[in-house]
Amino acid sequence: MMKLRLCSLHYGVCANIWRRPVSHYCSNSKSIISSSSIEVKPKLPLYLRPPSFSTSLSELTKWHKWAKNLASSVGSSFVHLDNGPDSTLLQRELNWLLEDLLEVQHHSRVLPLLKSDSNENADVAVALRVPLEDLYCAWRQRIEERRPFQYVVGCEHWRDLVLSVQEGVLIPRPETEIIIDLVEDVALKNNPKLAQGLWADLGTGSGAIAIATARTLATRAHGRVIATDLSPVAVAVAAFNVQRYGLQDLIEVRKGSWFEPLKDVEGKLAGLLSNPPYIPSGDISGLQAEVGQHEPKLALDGGIAGTNDLLHLIDGAASMLGPGGFFAFETNGEKQCKFLVDYIEKNKPDSFCNIKIVPDFAGIQRFVMGFHQ
């Protein structure tokens, strides 16, 4: 059954995320990272951990009541402070945490008991994926430190994927899903041969765009994707997610800054995609606490106007894309979109064609896309 998770992270517009149970776990040890070494070992998402711990139903009920009260105490204070989550959303997150904590086959038995006031079956043992004391710590961090819920449970539900995320990796947003829609509905419909080519996802983070793109290409031809990131944490997490979905033969993860790891494929790319840092430096401190205080600044800060990396991507796309190649970049909104289009028309008039601005789910002008001449 699909379950709705509402995103509580805002630096743009947030939309709904459909949660789908995932059973794709690949233990293939084939290396997919072309860098000197893996410096970071990815953390296993909560829902994938074995239920190696146990507590009594009464103790779990005690924690649950405490956690509910802590969430209720927030009220709408975070909303007024920085457009953060209110008590209703935090209560919903608490339910999701319980679902990830318990084995699926025990949901129907344990969850109703937690919500009742009955002392019946109080001594029944309940298997957990983490120790009970860790749950107290994790929920305090969520409320008192505003640690993102996705970091608490170690995953994010995005399109039809459940992606591992952790500190040091940007949490993928719902609006970024539109980039994949543009690949499917614009790029490949306009030129089906692009599905046979080599694509790149720059600043891959969790690998979301690369994985979704590879799955899209695989339904049409045998295209491949190179995913790059400067962060060793992101490189390790992206590679972990690629392995979980069994896409090692379609996606190669490379460590490096933007186009540096792609020198061997200059002028050969069929597609170039990115959700780069685009928040103006002066706006970082005013972001929702979950974002500004916890997510990697490297993945957020786009310079004084927020366009430093976007301009670098446009300049690089002119030489990296092959004839007819497609690009799509996410921006901070209408002002940045118009700035990029003006920049292309004035500085790259012979490099690109069919340049368009595309809105996100809320109607905000969010993406710039086009084709290489």
Protein backbone atom coordinates (compact mmCIF):
# COMPACT_ATOMS: atom_id res chain seq x y z
CA MET A 1 0.00 0.00 0.00
CA MET A 2 1.30 3.46 -0.81
CA LYS A 3 1.51 5.91 2.07
CA LEU A 4 1.72 9.66 1.91
CA ARG A 5 4.71 11.39 3.46
CA LEU A 6 4.55 15.16 3.49
CA CYS A 7 7.90 16.88 3.24
CA SER A 8 8.74 19.15 6.19
CA LEU A 9 11.81 20.72 4.58
CA HIS A 10 11.53 24.08 2.92
CA TYR A 11 13.98 26.12 0.93
CA GLY A 12 11.64 26.25 -2.02
CA VAL A 13 8.18 24.79 -2.44
CA CYS A 14 7.39 21.44 -0.88
CA ALA A 15 4.92 18.97 -2.33
CA ASN A 16 3.63 15.53 -1.45
CA ILE A 17 5.81 12.43 -1.52
CA TRP A 18 4.26 9.05 -2.22
CA ARG A 19 5.79 6.37 -0.07
CA ARG A 20 6.11 2.92 -1.62
CA PRO A 21 7.54 -0.12 0.16
CA VAL A 22 10.81 -1.16 -1.48
CA SER A 23 12.40 -4.57 -1.50
CA HIS A 24 15.24 -3.86 -3.93
CA TYR A 25 18.36 -4.64 -1.97
CA CYS A 26 21.39 -5.68 -3.97
CA SER A 27 24.44 -7.19 -2.32
CA ASN A 28 26.52 -7.18 -5.51
CA SER A 29 29.96 -5.99 -4.52
CA LYS A 30 30.97 -4.69 -7.96
CA SER A 31 32.70 -1.32 -7.62
CA ILE A 32 30.84 1.59 -9.19
CA ILE A 33 32.95 4.42 -7.78
CA SER A 34 35.81 5.64 -9.94
CA SER A 35 37.83 7.40 -7.26
CA SER A 36 40.87 6.53 -5.19
CA SER A 37 38.98 5.20 -2.18
CA ILE A 38 35.65 5.17 -0.39
CA GLU A 39 36.21 7.41 2.61
CA VAL A 40 32.77 7.04 4.14
CA LYS A 41 30.71 3.98 4.97
CA PRO A 42 27.02 4.75 4.35
CA LYS A 43 24.65 4.27 7.25
CA LEU A 44 21.93 1.67 6.82
CA PRO A 45 18.42 3.19 6.81
CA LEU A 46 16.34 2.26 9.84
CA TYR A 47 13.80 0.20 7.87
CA LEU A 48 16.58 -2.02 6.46
CA ARG A 49 18.19 -2.82 9.80
CA PRO A 50 17.53 -6.22 11.38
CA PRO A 51 15.18 -6.29 14.42
CA SER A 52 18.01 -7.22 16.77
CA PHE A 53 16.71 -5.44 19.87
CA SER A 54 13.73 -5.99 22.13
CA THR A 55 11.63 -4.20 24.70
CA SER A 56 8.30 -4.76 26.40
CA LEU A 57 5.11 -3.32 24.96
CA SER A 58 4.66 -1.29 28.15
CA GLU A 59 8.09 0.35 27.77
CA LEU A 60 7.48 1.09 24.09
CA THR A 61 4.09 2.58 25.01
CA LYS A 62 5.77 4.76 27.62
CA TRP A 63 8.22 6.07 25.01
CA HIS A 64 5.40 6.63 22.51
CA LYS A 65 3.39 8.75 24.97
CA TRP A 66 6.49 10.77 25.84
CA ALA A 67 7.27 11.33 22.15
CA LYS A 68 3.68 12.39 21.41
CA ASN A 69 3.72 14.88 24.27
CA LEU A 70 7.03 16.32 23.08
CA ALA A 71 5.63 16.74 19.57
CA SER A 72 2.43 18.30 20.91
CA SER A 73 4.40 20.84 22.93
CA VAL A 74 5.70 22.39 19.70
CA GLY A 75 2.29 23.59 18.57
CA SER A 76 2.84 26.06 15.73
CA SER A 77 5.95 27.66 17.22
CA PHE A 78 8.28 26.29 14.51
CA VAL A 79 5.88 27.48 11.81
CA HIS A 80 6.02 31.05 13.14
CA LEU A 81 9.78 30.86 13.66
CA ASP A 82 10.93 29.71 10.22
CA ASN A 83 8.06 27.89 8.48
CA GLY A 84 9.06 24.67 10.19
CA PRO A 85 6.84 21.66 11.03
CA ASP A 86 3.86 21.97 13.35
CA SER A 87 2.65 19.41 15.89
CA THR A 88 0.37 17.71 13.38
CA LEU A 89 3.23 16.98 11.00
CA LEU A 90 5.51 15.90 13.85
CA GLN A 91 2.85 13.45 15.05
CA ARG A 92 2.69 12.08 11.51
CA GLU A 93 6.46 11.71 11.47
CA LEU A 94 6.24 9.82 14.76
CA ASN A 95 3.90 7.32 13.12
CA TRP A 96 6.32 6.89 10.21
CA LEU A 97 9.17 6.37 12.65
CA LEU A 98 7.21 3.55 14.30
CA GLU A 99 6.51 1.95 10.94
CA ASP A 100 10.22 1.95 10.08
CA LEU A 101 11.13 0.76 13.57
CA LEU A 102 8.93 -2.36 13.54
CA GLU A 103 8.86 -5.26 11.13
CA VAL A 104 6.02 -4.91 8.62
CA GLN A 105 4.31 -8.11 9.74
CA HIS A 106 4.00 -6.69 13.27
CA HIS A 107 2.43 -3.35 12.30
CA SER A 108 -1.17 -4.57 12.52
CA ARG A 109 -0.59 -6.13 15.95
CA VAL A 110 1.61 -3.58 17.72
CA LEU A 111 0.56 -0.19 16.37
CA PRO A 112 -3.11 -0.40 17.51
CA LEU A 113 -1.96 -1.44 21.00
CA LEU A 114 0.29 1.59 21.25
CA LYS A 115 -2.63 3.89 20.51
CA SER A 116 -4.93 2.28 23.09
CA ASP A 117 -4.95 2.89 26.83
CA SER A 118 -5.30 -0.78 27.64
CA ASN A 119 -2.73 -2.46 29.90
CA GLU A 120 -3.45 -5.76 28.20
CA ASN A 121 -0.37 -7.55 26.81
CA ALA A 122 1.89 -5.05 28.59
CA ASP A 123 4.64 -7.63 29.06
CA VAL A 124 4.66 -8.80 25.46
CA ALA A 125 8.11 -8.49 23.92
CA VAL A 126 8.41 -6.24 20.85
CA ALA A 127 11.32 -6.55 18.42
CA LEU A 128 12.96 -3.24 17.47
CA ARG A 129 15.53 -2.21 14.88
CA VAL A 130 17.34 0.05 17.39
CA PRO A 131 17.58 0.07 21.19
CA LEU A 132 14.80 1.88 23.03
CA GLU A 133 17.26 4.38 24.53
CA ASP A 134 18.29 5.38 21.00
CA LEU A 135 14.67 6.25 20.26
CA TYR A 136 14.61 8.73 23.14
CA CYS A 137 17.78 10.32 21.82
CA ALA A 138 16.59 10.40 18.20
CA TRP A 139 13.26 12.04 19.00
CA ARG A 140 14.90 14.66 21.23
CA GLN A 141 17.19 15.50 18.34
CA ARG A 142 14.21 15.79 16.01
CA ILE A 143 12.35 18.22 18.28
CA GLU A 144 15.01 20.04 20.28
CA GLU A 145 17.75 20.21 17.66
CA ARG A 146 15.42 20.28 14.62
CA ARG A 147 17.36 17.41 13.06
CA PRO A 148 15.60 16.51 9.79
CA PHE A 149 13.29 13.52 10.06
CA GLN A 150 14.93 12.01 6.98
CA TYR A 151 18.26 11.90 8.82
CA VAL A 152 16.56 10.35 11.85
CA VAL A 153 15.23 7.40 9.83
CA GLY A 154 18.05 7.46 7.28
CA CYS A 155 15.96 7.61 4.12
CA GLU A 156 13.73 9.73 1.92
CA HIS A 157 10.81 8.64 -0.24
CA TRP A 158 11.20 10.19 -3.70
CA ARG A 159 9.16 9.23 -6.77
CA ASP A 160 9.02 5.43 -6.61
CA LEU A 161 12.33 5.22 -4.74
CA VAL A 162 13.35 5.00 -1.11
CA LEU A 163 16.80 6.57 -0.97
CA SER A 164 19.36 6.35 1.80
CA VAL A 165 20.31 9.79 3.17
CA GLN A 166 22.44 10.93 6.09
CA GLU A 167 24.23 14.01 7.39
CA GLY A 168 26.40 15.42 4.63
CA VAL A 169 23.93 14.55 1.86
CA LEU A 170 21.22 16.87 0.56
CA ILE A 171 17.73 15.45 1.08
CA PRO A 172 16.00 15.22 -2.33
CA ARG A 173 12.90 17.41 -2.69
CA PRO A 174 9.61 16.58 -4.40
CA GLU A 175 9.94 19.40 -6.94
CA THR A 176 13.19 17.92 -8.26
CA GLU A 177 11.13 14.98 -9.55
CA ILE A 178 10.07 17.25 -12.41
CA ILE A 179 13.56 16.92 -13.90
CA ILE A 180 12.80 13.25 -14.54
CA ASP A 181 9.45 14.20 -16.07
CA LEU A 182 11.32 16.52 -18.45
CA VAL A 183 13.66 13.70 -19.43
CA GLU A 184 10.69 11.44 -20.18
CA ASP A 185 8.20 13.89 -21.65
CA VAL A 186 10.48 16.36 -23.44
CA ALA A 187 13.97 15.03 -24.13
CA LEU A 188 13.20 11.43 -25.08
CA LYS A 189 9.96 12.25 -26.89
CA ASN A 190 11.72 14.93 -28.90
CA ASN A 191 14.67 12.67 -29.72
CA PRO A 192 14.26 8.99 -28.75
CA LYS A 193 17.88 8.30 -29.71
CA LEU A 194 19.01 10.19 -26.61
CA ALA A 195 17.93 7.13 -24.59
CA GLN A 196 20.88 5.26 -26.08
CA GLY A 197 23.43 7.85 -25.02
CA LEU A 198 25.49 8.84 -21.99
CA TRP A 199 23.89 11.16 -19.43
CA ALA A 200 25.37 12.99 -16.45
CA ASP A 201 23.91 14.04 -13.10
CA LEU A 202 26.19 16.69 -11.60
CA GLY A 203 26.12 17.20 -7.83
CA THR A 204 24.26 13.93 -7.46
CA GLY A 205 23.89 13.96 -3.66
CA SER A 206 21.90 10.82 -2.81
CA GLY A 207 21.92 9.77 -6.46
CA ALA A 208 18.21 10.48 -6.88
CA ILE A 209 18.33 12.07 -10.34
CA ALA A 210 20.89 9.58 -11.65
CA ILE A 211 18.94 6.54 -10.45
CA ALA A 212 15.57 7.76 -11.72
CA THR A 213 17.12 8.74 -15.06
CA ALA A 214 18.84 5.37 -15.47
CA ARG A 215 15.58 3.55 -14.77
CA THR A 216 13.85 5.73 -17.36
CA LEU A 217 16.54 5.08 -19.99
CA ALA A 218 16.44 1.35 -19.27
CA THR A 219 12.79 1.16 -20.33
CA ARG A 220 13.65 2.50 -23.78
CA ALA A 221 17.22 1.58 -24.67
CA HIS A 222 20.58 1.02 -23.02
CA GLY A 223 21.67 4.51 -22.02
CA ARG A 224 24.09 5.05 -19.15
CA VAL A 225 24.54 7.71 -16.48
CA ILE A 226 27.60 9.20 -14.79
CA ALA A 227 26.87 10.74 -11.39
CA THR A 228 29.40 13.16 -9.91
CA ASP A 229 29.80 14.87 -6.57
CA LEU A 230 32.59 16.66 -4.72
CA SER A 231 31.49 15.34 -1.32
CA PRO A 232 32.93 11.95 -0.32
CA VAL A 233 29.84 11.36 1.83
CA ALA A 234 27.52 11.97 -1.12
CA VAL A 235 29.65 9.76 -3.39
CA ALA A 236 29.48 6.88 -0.92
CA VAL A 237 25.73 7.27 -0.29
CA ALA A 238 24.93 7.61 -3.99
CA ALA A 239 26.92 4.45 -4.75
CA PHE A 240 25.07 2.64 -1.95
CA ASN A 241 21.71 3.66 -3.43
CA VAL A 242 22.81 2.63 -6.91
CA GLN A 243 23.74 -0.82 -5.60
CA ARG A 244 20.46 -1.19 -3.74
CA TYR A 245 18.58 -0.75 -7.00
CA GLY A 246 20.92 -3.03 -8.92
CA LEU A 247 22.00 -0.34 -11.39
CA GLN A 248 25.78 -0.82 -11.21
CA ASP A 249 25.95 -1.57 -14.94
CA LEU A 250 24.05 1.61 -15.84
CA ILE A 251 25.42 4.18 -13.38
CA GLU A 252 29.00 5.11 -12.58
CA VAL A 253 29.62 7.38 -9.58
CA ARG A 254 32.63 9.66 -9.89
CA LYS A 255 34.13 11.90 -7.22
CA GLY A 256 35.02 15.43 -8.25
CA SER A 257 33.77 18.96 -8.81
CA TRP A 258 31.23 19.46 -11.59
CA PHE A 259 32.85 18.73 -14.97
CA GLU A 260 36.29 17.75 -13.70
CA PRO A 261 35.49 13.99 -13.59
CA LEU A 262 33.98 14.16 -17.10
CA LYS A 263 36.97 15.23 -19.19
CA ASP A 264 37.01 11.87 -20.97
CA VAL A 265 33.46 12.36 -22.28
CA GLU A 266 33.63 16.00 -23.38
CA GLY A 267 31.26 16.65 -26.27
CA LYS A 268 29.74 13.17 -25.98
CA LEU A 269 26.90 13.63 -23.45
CA ALA A 270 23.32 13.03 -24.54
CA GLY A 271 21.95 14.71 -21.43
CA LEU A 272 23.11 16.90 -18.56
CA LEU A 273 21.01 17.24 -15.40
CA SER A 274 21.59 18.99 -12.08
CA ASN A 275 19.97 20.36 -8.95
CA PRO A 276 22.92 22.57 -7.97
CA PRO A 277 23.42 24.91 -5.00
CA TYR A 278 21.29 27.97 -5.76
CA ILE A 279 20.48 29.63 -2.43
CA PRO A 280 22.04 33.12 -2.17
CA SER A 281 24.70 33.11 0.55
CA GLY A 282 22.91 35.78 2.56
CA ASP A 283 19.73 33.68 2.72
CA ILE A 284 21.28 30.57 4.28
CA SER A 285 20.95 31.78 7.87
CA GLY A 286 17.24 32.46 7.39
CA LEU A 287 16.38 29.00 6.09
CA GLN A 288 14.24 26.56 8.05
CA ALA A 289 16.39 25.13 10.85
CA GLU A 290 16.16 21.60 9.45
CA VAL A 291 17.81 22.88 6.28
CA GLY A 292 20.15 25.71 7.25
CA GLN A 293 21.51 24.08 10.41
CA HIS A 294 21.75 20.46 9.25
CA GLU A 295 21.97 19.99 5.50
CA PRO A 296 25.37 20.47 3.82
CA LYS A 297 26.12 24.09 2.99
CA LEU A 298 28.12 22.81 0.02
CA ALA A 299 24.86 21.67 -1.54
CA LEU A 300 22.92 24.84 -0.70
CA ASP A 301 25.10 27.94 -1.07
CA GLY A 302 25.15 29.25 -4.63
CA GLY A 303 27.14 32.42 -3.96
CA ILE A 304 26.04 36.02 -3.55
CA ALA A 305 23.19 35.80 -6.06
CA GLY A 306 22.84 32.02 -5.89
CA THR A 307 23.86 31.66 -9.55
CA ASN A 308 27.59 30.83 -9.36
CA ASP A 309 27.18 27.11 -10.01
CA LEU A 310 24.28 27.54 -12.43
CA LEU A 311 26.41 29.76 -14.67
CA HIS A 312 29.26 27.26 -14.48
CA LEU A 313 26.87 24.51 -15.55
CA ILE A 314 25.58 26.52 -18.52
CA ASP A 315 29.13 27.29 -19.66
CA GLY A 316 30.15 23.65 -19.30
CA ALA A 317 27.06 22.30 -21.03
CA ALA A 318 28.05 24.12 -24.21
CA SER A 319 31.17 21.97 -24.54
CA MET A 320 30.07 18.76 -22.80
CA LEU A 321 26.85 18.06 -24.69
CA GLY A 322 26.86 16.42 -28.07
CA PRO A 323 24.70 17.69 -30.96
CA GLY A 324 21.03 17.58 -29.92
CA GLY A 325 21.95 16.92 -26.30
CA PHE A 326 19.47 17.92 -23.59
CA PHE A 327 19.99 19.85 -20.35
CA ALA A 328 17.74 20.64 -17.37
CA PHE A 329 18.77 22.57 -14.28
CA GLU A 330 16.81 23.43 -11.14
CA THR A 331 16.92 27.02 -9.83
CA ASN A 332 15.69 29.09 -6.90
CA GLY A 333 12.78 30.52 -8.86
CA GLU A 334 11.63 32.93 -11.55
CA LYS A 335 14.37 35.54 -11.07
CA GLN A 336 17.17 33.02 -11.51
CA CYS A 337 15.40 31.33 -14.43
CA LYS A 338 15.07 34.58 -16.36
CA PHE A 339 18.68 35.48 -15.52
CA LEU A 340 19.92 32.18 -16.95
CA VAL A 341 17.84 32.47 -20.10
CA ASP A 342 19.11 36.01 -20.67
CA TYR A 343 22.67 34.82 -20.09
CA ILE A 344 22.27 32.02 -22.64
CA GLU A 345 20.73 34.32 -25.25
CA LYS A 346 23.48 36.93 -24.84
CA ASN A 347 26.52 34.70 -24.31
CA LYS A 348 25.66 31.33 -25.90
CA PRO A 349 23.31 32.16 -28.78
CA ASP A 350 24.86 29.58 -31.10
CA SER A 351 25.16 26.83 -28.49
CA PHE A 352 21.57 26.12 -27.45
CA CYS A 353 18.05 26.11 -28.84
CA ASN A 354 14.48 25.58 -27.61
CA ILE A 355 15.30 27.13 -24.23
CA LYS A 356 12.32 27.02 -21.89
CA ILE A 357 11.42 27.83 -18.30
CA VAL A 358 9.34 25.17 -16.57
CA PRO A 359 7.26 25.59 -13.38
CA ASP A 360 7.27 23.29 -10.37
CA PHE A 361 4.23 21.67 -8.71
CA ALA A 362 3.24 24.99 -7.11
CA GLY A 363 3.45 26.95 -10.35
CA ILE A 364 6.73 28.65 -9.45
CA GLN A 365 9.15 29.01 -12.37
CA ARG A 366 11.79 26.52 -11.23
CA PHE A 367 13.65 24.85 -14.13
CA VAL A 368 15.59 25.92 -17.20
CA MET A 369 15.86 23.36 -20.01
CA GLY A 370 17.01 23.26 -23.60
CA PHE A 371 18.92 21.44 -26.31
CA HIS A 372 22.45 21.77 -27.63
CA GLN A 373 22.68 22.89 -31.25
